[in-house]
Amino acid sequence: MGDQAMNVTIERKQGMVIARPEGDIDLASSPSLRAQLREIVGEADDAIVVDLEAFPYMDSSGVATLVELLQSCRQKGLDLTLCRLGERVLSVFQIARLDGVFKIAGSIEECTGTAD
C-alpha cells in the first residue's frame, strides 16, 4: 500500500498562510501532508495556521509531521498556530504534553485577529 494523497486547502490572509488539511492523518497520509507543509513553509512570510477542524483522528505519525513543521517554522522565524483541534486530536496533544509546546487556538479569528 502506497502513500495516500492528503488534500490541503491553502488560504493566504494578512501575511499568513492558513492550511486546511482534510481527512485522517495517519501513517499512509502523513508523507503527503509533510510534503505539502514543506512547500507552505517555503511560501509563508510571517505565520502559518494549520486548521485541524476536518481531522477526526491523528496518530503518532501525524503528530510527528506537525512537530517537524514546528521545527521548520522556528528555523525560518515563522509563527505556527494549530487551530480548531477536535476533542480526540487535542487529547493526543495533551497526552504527549505538546499542548504546551504548540500554540493552539480555538478559532481562525483568534489566529488572524479578525472576525469574519
N, C-alpha and C. Protein backbone atom coordinates (compact mmCIF):
# COMPACT_ATOMS: atom_id res chain seq x y z
N MET A 1 0.85 -1.18 0.00
CA MET A 1 0.00 0.00 0.00
C MET A 1 0.89 1.24 0.00
N GLY A 2 0.67 2.19 -0.90
CA GLY A 2 1.49 3.39 -1.03
C GLY A 2 0.94 4.52 -0.19
N ASP A 3 1.57 5.68 -0.35
CA ASP A 3 1.14 6.86 0.39
C ASP A 3 -0.21 7.33 -0.13
N GLN A 4 -1.07 7.77 0.78
CA GLN A 4 -2.35 8.35 0.40
C GLN A 4 -2.17 9.84 0.22
N ALA A 5 -2.76 10.37 -0.84
CA ALA A 5 -2.68 11.82 -1.05
C ALA A 5 -3.55 12.51 -0.01
N MET A 6 -3.04 13.59 0.53
CA MET A 6 -3.77 14.39 1.52
C MET A 6 -4.20 15.66 0.82
N ASN A 7 -5.48 15.99 0.89
CA ASN A 7 -5.99 17.22 0.31
C ASN A 7 -5.79 18.36 1.31
N VAL A 8 -5.05 19.39 0.89
CA VAL A 8 -4.81 20.54 1.75
C VAL A 8 -5.25 21.80 1.01
N THR A 9 -6.22 22.51 1.57
CA THR A 9 -6.67 23.78 1.01
C THR A 9 -5.83 24.89 1.63
N ILE A 10 -5.36 25.81 0.79
CA ILE A 10 -4.49 26.90 1.24
C ILE A 10 -5.20 28.23 1.07
N GLU A 11 -5.13 29.06 2.09
CA GLU A 11 -5.67 30.42 2.02
C GLU A 11 -4.59 31.37 2.54
N ARG A 12 -4.43 32.48 1.86
CA ARG A 12 -3.47 33.49 2.30
C ARG A 12 -4.25 34.67 2.84
N LYS A 13 -3.84 35.13 4.03
CA LYS A 13 -4.59 36.19 4.70
C LYS A 13 -3.63 37.00 5.57
N GLN A 14 -3.51 38.28 5.31
CA GLN A 14 -2.72 39.19 6.16
C GLN A 14 -1.32 38.67 6.47
N GLY A 15 -0.58 38.23 5.45
CA GLY A 15 0.79 37.77 5.66
C GLY A 15 0.91 36.37 6.22
N MET A 16 -0.21 35.71 6.42
CA MET A 16 -0.13 34.34 6.93
C MET A 16 -0.72 33.36 5.93
N VAL A 17 -0.32 32.12 6.06
CA VAL A 17 -0.85 31.05 5.24
C VAL A 17 -1.70 30.17 6.16
N ILE A 18 -2.95 29.96 5.76
CA ILE A 18 -3.84 29.07 6.51
C ILE A 18 -3.97 27.78 5.71
N ALA A 19 -3.55 26.68 6.32
CA ALA A 19 -3.61 25.37 5.68
C ALA A 19 -4.74 24.57 6.32
N ARG A 20 -5.60 24.01 5.47
CA ARG A 20 -6.73 23.21 5.96
C ARG A 20 -6.65 21.80 5.36
N PRO A 21 -5.90 20.91 6.02
CA PRO A 21 -5.88 19.51 5.55
C PRO A 21 -7.21 18.84 5.88
N GLU A 22 -7.55 17.83 5.07
CA GLU A 22 -8.81 17.11 5.31
C GLU A 22 -8.54 15.61 5.35
N GLY A 23 -9.19 14.95 6.30
CA GLY A 23 -9.08 13.50 6.43
C GLY A 23 -8.26 13.12 7.64
N ASP A 24 -8.03 11.82 7.79
CA ASP A 24 -7.23 11.33 8.91
C ASP A 24 -5.76 11.54 8.62
N ILE A 25 -5.01 11.95 9.63
CA ILE A 25 -3.55 11.99 9.49
C ILE A 25 -3.05 10.70 10.13
N ASP A 26 -2.56 9.82 9.27
CA ASP A 26 -2.03 8.55 9.76
C ASP A 26 -0.79 8.18 8.95
N LEU A 27 -0.28 7.00 9.18
CA LEU A 27 0.96 6.58 8.54
C LEU A 27 0.88 6.65 7.02
N ALA A 28 -0.28 6.35 6.45
CA ALA A 28 -0.43 6.35 4.99
C ALA A 28 -0.48 7.77 4.41
N SER A 29 -1.10 8.71 5.12
CA SER A 29 -1.29 10.05 4.56
C SER A 29 -0.25 11.07 5.02
N SER A 30 0.49 10.79 6.09
CA SER A 30 1.42 11.80 6.61
C SER A 30 2.54 12.17 5.65
N PRO A 31 3.08 11.26 4.81
CA PRO A 31 4.12 11.71 3.86
C PRO A 31 3.61 12.77 2.89
N SER A 32 2.38 12.62 2.41
CA SER A 32 1.79 13.61 1.51
C SER A 32 1.59 14.94 2.22
N LEU A 33 1.09 14.88 3.44
CA LEU A 33 0.89 16.11 4.23
C LEU A 33 2.23 16.78 4.49
N ARG A 34 3.24 16.01 4.86
CA ARG A 34 4.57 16.54 5.16
C ARG A 34 5.12 17.30 3.95
N ALA A 35 4.99 16.73 2.77
CA ALA A 35 5.50 17.38 1.55
C ALA A 35 4.76 18.70 1.28
N GLN A 36 3.46 18.71 1.47
CA GLN A 36 2.69 19.93 1.23
C GLN A 36 3.01 21.00 2.26
N LEU A 37 3.22 20.60 3.49
CA LEU A 37 3.55 21.58 4.54
C LEU A 37 4.94 22.18 4.30
N ARG A 38 5.87 21.39 3.78
CA ARG A 38 7.20 21.92 3.44
C ARG A 38 7.09 23.05 2.41
N GLU A 39 6.22 22.85 1.42
CA GLU A 39 6.00 23.88 0.40
C GLU A 39 5.44 25.15 1.03
N ILE A 40 4.51 24.98 1.96
CA ILE A 40 3.88 26.13 2.63
C ILE A 40 4.93 26.91 3.42
N VAL A 41 5.82 26.23 4.11
CA VAL A 41 6.88 26.91 4.87
C VAL A 41 7.72 27.75 3.92
N GLY A 42 7.99 27.23 2.74
CA GLY A 42 8.78 27.97 1.76
C GLY A 42 8.08 29.21 1.24
N GLU A 43 6.75 29.22 1.28
CA GLU A 43 5.97 30.33 0.72
C GLU A 43 5.52 31.35 1.76
N ALA A 44 5.51 30.98 3.03
CA ALA A 44 4.96 31.85 4.07
C ALA A 44 5.89 33.01 4.39
N ASP A 45 5.30 34.15 4.74
CA ASP A 45 6.06 35.35 5.11
C ASP A 45 6.18 35.51 6.62
N ASP A 46 5.05 35.41 7.32
CA ASP A 46 5.01 35.71 8.76
C ASP A 46 4.58 34.53 9.62
N ALA A 47 3.50 33.87 9.19
CA ALA A 47 2.90 32.87 10.07
C ALA A 47 2.20 31.79 9.27
N ILE A 48 2.06 30.64 9.90
CA ILE A 48 1.29 29.53 9.34
C ILE A 48 0.27 29.11 10.39
N VAL A 49 -0.95 28.95 9.93
CA VAL A 49 -2.02 28.41 10.76
C VAL A 49 -2.44 27.09 10.13
N VAL A 50 -2.48 26.04 10.92
CA VAL A 50 -2.98 24.75 10.44
C VAL A 50 -4.33 24.53 11.10
N ASP A 51 -5.37 24.58 10.29
CA ASP A 51 -6.75 24.41 10.76
C ASP A 51 -7.06 22.92 10.75
N LEU A 52 -7.20 22.34 11.93
CA LEU A 52 -7.40 20.90 12.06
C LEU A 52 -8.86 20.52 12.29
N GLU A 53 -9.77 21.41 11.96
CA GLU A 53 -11.20 21.13 12.18
C GLU A 53 -11.66 19.85 11.47
N ALA A 54 -11.13 19.58 10.29
CA ALA A 54 -11.57 18.44 9.49
C ALA A 54 -10.86 17.13 9.87
N PHE A 55 -10.17 17.12 11.01
CA PHE A 55 -9.43 15.93 11.43
C PHE A 55 -10.14 15.22 12.55
N PRO A 56 -10.79 14.12 12.25
CA PRO A 56 -11.40 13.35 13.33
C PRO A 56 -10.39 12.50 14.08
N TYR A 57 -9.23 12.24 13.44
CA TYR A 57 -8.27 11.29 14.01
C TYR A 57 -6.85 11.67 13.59
N MET A 58 -5.90 11.47 14.49
CA MET A 58 -4.49 11.67 14.17
C MET A 58 -3.67 10.67 14.97
N ASP A 59 -2.79 9.95 14.29
CA ASP A 59 -1.92 9.03 15.02
C ASP A 59 -0.55 9.67 15.24
N SER A 60 0.40 8.89 15.75
CA SER A 60 1.71 9.45 16.10
C SER A 60 2.46 9.98 14.88
N SER A 61 2.23 9.41 13.70
CA SER A 61 2.91 9.93 12.51
C SER A 61 2.38 11.32 12.15
N GLY A 62 1.12 11.57 12.42
CA GLY A 62 0.56 12.91 12.21
C GLY A 62 1.16 13.91 13.19
N VAL A 63 1.29 13.49 14.43
CA VAL A 63 1.92 14.35 15.44
C VAL A 63 3.36 14.65 15.04
N ALA A 64 4.08 13.63 14.59
CA ALA A 64 5.47 13.81 14.17
C ALA A 64 5.57 14.79 13.00
N THR A 65 4.61 14.72 12.08
CA THR A 65 4.58 15.63 10.93
C THR A 65 4.42 17.08 11.41
N LEU A 66 3.57 17.30 12.39
CA LEU A 66 3.35 18.65 12.91
C LEU A 66 4.55 19.14 13.74
N VAL A 67 5.22 18.22 14.43
CA VAL A 67 6.43 18.60 15.16
C VAL A 67 7.51 19.03 14.16
N GLU A 68 7.64 18.31 13.05
CA GLU A 68 8.60 18.70 12.01
C GLU A 68 8.24 20.08 11.46
N LEU A 69 6.95 20.33 11.26
CA LEU A 69 6.51 21.64 10.77
C LEU A 69 6.91 22.73 11.76
N LEU A 70 6.70 22.47 13.04
CA LEU A 70 7.07 23.45 14.07
C LEU A 70 8.56 23.76 14.01
N GLN A 71 9.39 22.73 13.87
CA GLN A 71 10.84 22.92 13.77
C GLN A 71 11.20 23.75 12.54
N SER A 72 10.57 23.46 11.41
CA SER A 72 10.82 24.21 10.18
C SER A 72 10.41 25.67 10.33
N CYS A 73 9.27 25.90 10.97
CA CYS A 73 8.80 27.27 11.18
C CYS A 73 9.77 28.04 12.07
N ARG A 74 10.24 27.40 13.12
CA ARG A 74 11.18 28.06 14.03
C ARG A 74 12.48 28.42 13.31
N GLN A 75 12.96 27.51 12.45
CA GLN A 75 14.20 27.77 11.70
C GLN A 75 14.03 28.97 10.76
N LYS A 76 12.82 29.13 10.22
CA LYS A 76 12.58 30.22 9.28
C LYS A 76 12.05 31.49 9.97
N GLY A 77 11.83 31.42 11.28
CA GLY A 77 11.31 32.57 12.02
C GLY A 77 9.83 32.81 11.81
N LEU A 78 9.09 31.75 11.52
CA LEU A 78 7.64 31.84 11.31
C LEU A 78 6.89 31.46 12.57
N ASP A 79 5.76 32.09 12.77
CA ASP A 79 4.86 31.76 13.87
C ASP A 79 3.96 30.62 13.40
N LEU A 80 3.77 29.59 14.21
CA LEU A 80 2.89 28.47 13.87
C LEU A 80 1.80 28.34 14.92
N THR A 81 0.56 28.26 14.45
CA THR A 81 -0.58 28.03 15.34
C THR A 81 -1.41 26.88 14.80
N LEU A 82 -1.76 25.96 15.69
CA LEU A 82 -2.72 24.91 15.35
C LEU A 82 -4.08 25.40 15.82
N CYS A 83 -5.08 25.19 15.00
CA CYS A 83 -6.38 25.81 15.25
C CYS A 83 -7.50 24.79 15.14
N ARG A 84 -8.51 24.96 15.96
CA ARG A 84 -9.76 24.17 15.93
C ARG A 84 -9.52 22.66 16.00
N LEU A 85 -8.74 22.25 16.98
CA LEU A 85 -8.49 20.82 17.19
C LEU A 85 -9.73 20.18 17.79
N GLY A 86 -10.13 19.06 17.24
CA GLY A 86 -11.23 18.31 17.81
C GLY A 86 -10.82 17.69 19.14
N GLU A 87 -11.78 17.23 19.88
CA GLU A 87 -11.52 16.68 21.22
C GLU A 87 -10.53 15.53 21.20
N ARG A 88 -10.68 14.60 20.23
CA ARG A 88 -9.78 13.43 20.16
C ARG A 88 -8.37 13.85 19.80
N VAL A 89 -8.24 14.78 18.85
CA VAL A 89 -6.91 15.23 18.42
C VAL A 89 -6.25 16.04 19.54
N LEU A 90 -7.01 16.92 20.18
CA LEU A 90 -6.47 17.70 21.28
C LEU A 90 -5.98 16.78 22.40
N SER A 91 -6.71 15.71 22.67
CA SER A 91 -6.30 14.80 23.74
C SER A 91 -4.96 14.12 23.41
N VAL A 92 -4.70 13.85 22.12
CA VAL A 92 -3.40 13.29 21.71
C VAL A 92 -2.29 14.27 22.07
N PHE A 93 -2.50 15.57 21.79
CA PHE A 93 -1.50 16.58 22.11
C PHE A 93 -1.33 16.74 23.62
N GLN A 94 -2.42 16.64 24.36
CA GLN A 94 -2.34 16.76 25.82
C GLN A 94 -1.60 15.58 26.43
N ILE A 95 -1.90 14.37 25.97
CA ILE A 95 -1.24 13.18 26.50
C ILE A 95 0.26 13.25 26.24
N ALA A 96 0.64 13.73 25.05
CA ALA A 96 2.07 13.85 24.69
C ALA A 96 2.69 15.13 25.27
N ARG A 97 1.89 15.91 25.99
CA ARG A 97 2.32 17.19 26.58
C ARG A 97 2.82 18.19 25.53
N LEU A 98 2.25 18.08 24.34
CA LEU A 98 2.61 19.01 23.27
C LEU A 98 1.69 20.22 23.24
N ASP A 99 0.65 20.20 24.06
CA ASP A 99 -0.25 21.36 24.11
C ASP A 99 0.47 22.56 24.73
N GLY A 100 1.58 22.32 25.41
CA GLY A 100 2.38 23.42 25.95
C GLY A 100 3.51 23.84 25.01
N VAL A 101 3.75 23.05 23.97
CA VAL A 101 4.80 23.33 23.00
C VAL A 101 4.24 24.10 21.80
N PHE A 102 3.08 23.67 21.35
CA PHE A 102 2.42 24.31 20.21
C PHE A 102 1.52 25.44 20.69
N LYS A 103 1.40 26.46 19.88
CA LYS A 103 0.39 27.48 20.11
C LYS A 103 -0.91 26.91 19.54
N ILE A 104 -1.95 26.81 20.36
CA ILE A 104 -3.22 26.21 19.95
C ILE A 104 -4.33 27.24 20.15
N ALA A 105 -5.13 27.43 19.11
CA ALA A 105 -6.23 28.39 19.15
C ALA A 105 -7.56 27.69 18.90
N GLY A 106 -8.61 28.26 19.44
CA GLY A 106 -9.93 27.68 19.27
C GLY A 106 -10.63 28.09 18.00
N SER A 107 -10.17 29.19 17.37
CA SER A 107 -10.84 29.66 16.16
C SER A 107 -9.83 30.33 15.22
N ILE A 108 -10.22 30.44 13.97
CA ILE A 108 -9.40 31.15 12.99
C ILE A 108 -9.27 32.62 13.39
N GLU A 109 -10.34 33.19 13.92
CA GLU A 109 -10.33 34.59 14.32
C GLU A 109 -9.27 34.88 15.38
N GLU A 110 -9.06 33.93 16.29
CA GLU A 110 -8.00 34.08 17.30
C GLU A 110 -6.63 34.20 16.63
N CYS A 111 -6.45 33.47 15.54
CA CYS A 111 -5.16 33.45 14.84
C CYS A 111 -4.95 34.70 14.01
N THR A 112 -6.00 35.16 13.36
CA THR A 112 -5.86 36.27 12.43
C THR A 112 -6.14 37.63 13.09
N GLY A 113 -6.75 37.60 14.26
CA GLY A 113 -7.10 38.84 14.94
C GLY A 113 -8.27 39.55 14.30
N THR A 114 -9.06 38.81 13.53
CA THR A 114 -10.23 39.40 12.87
C THR A 114 -11.47 38.57 13.14
N ALA A 115 -12.59 39.17 12.91
CA ALA A 115 -13.86 38.44 12.94
C ALA A 115 -14.41 38.48 11.52
N ASP A 116 -14.59 37.30 10.93
CA ASP A 116 -15.07 37.25 9.54
C ASP A 116 -16.56 37.46 9.46
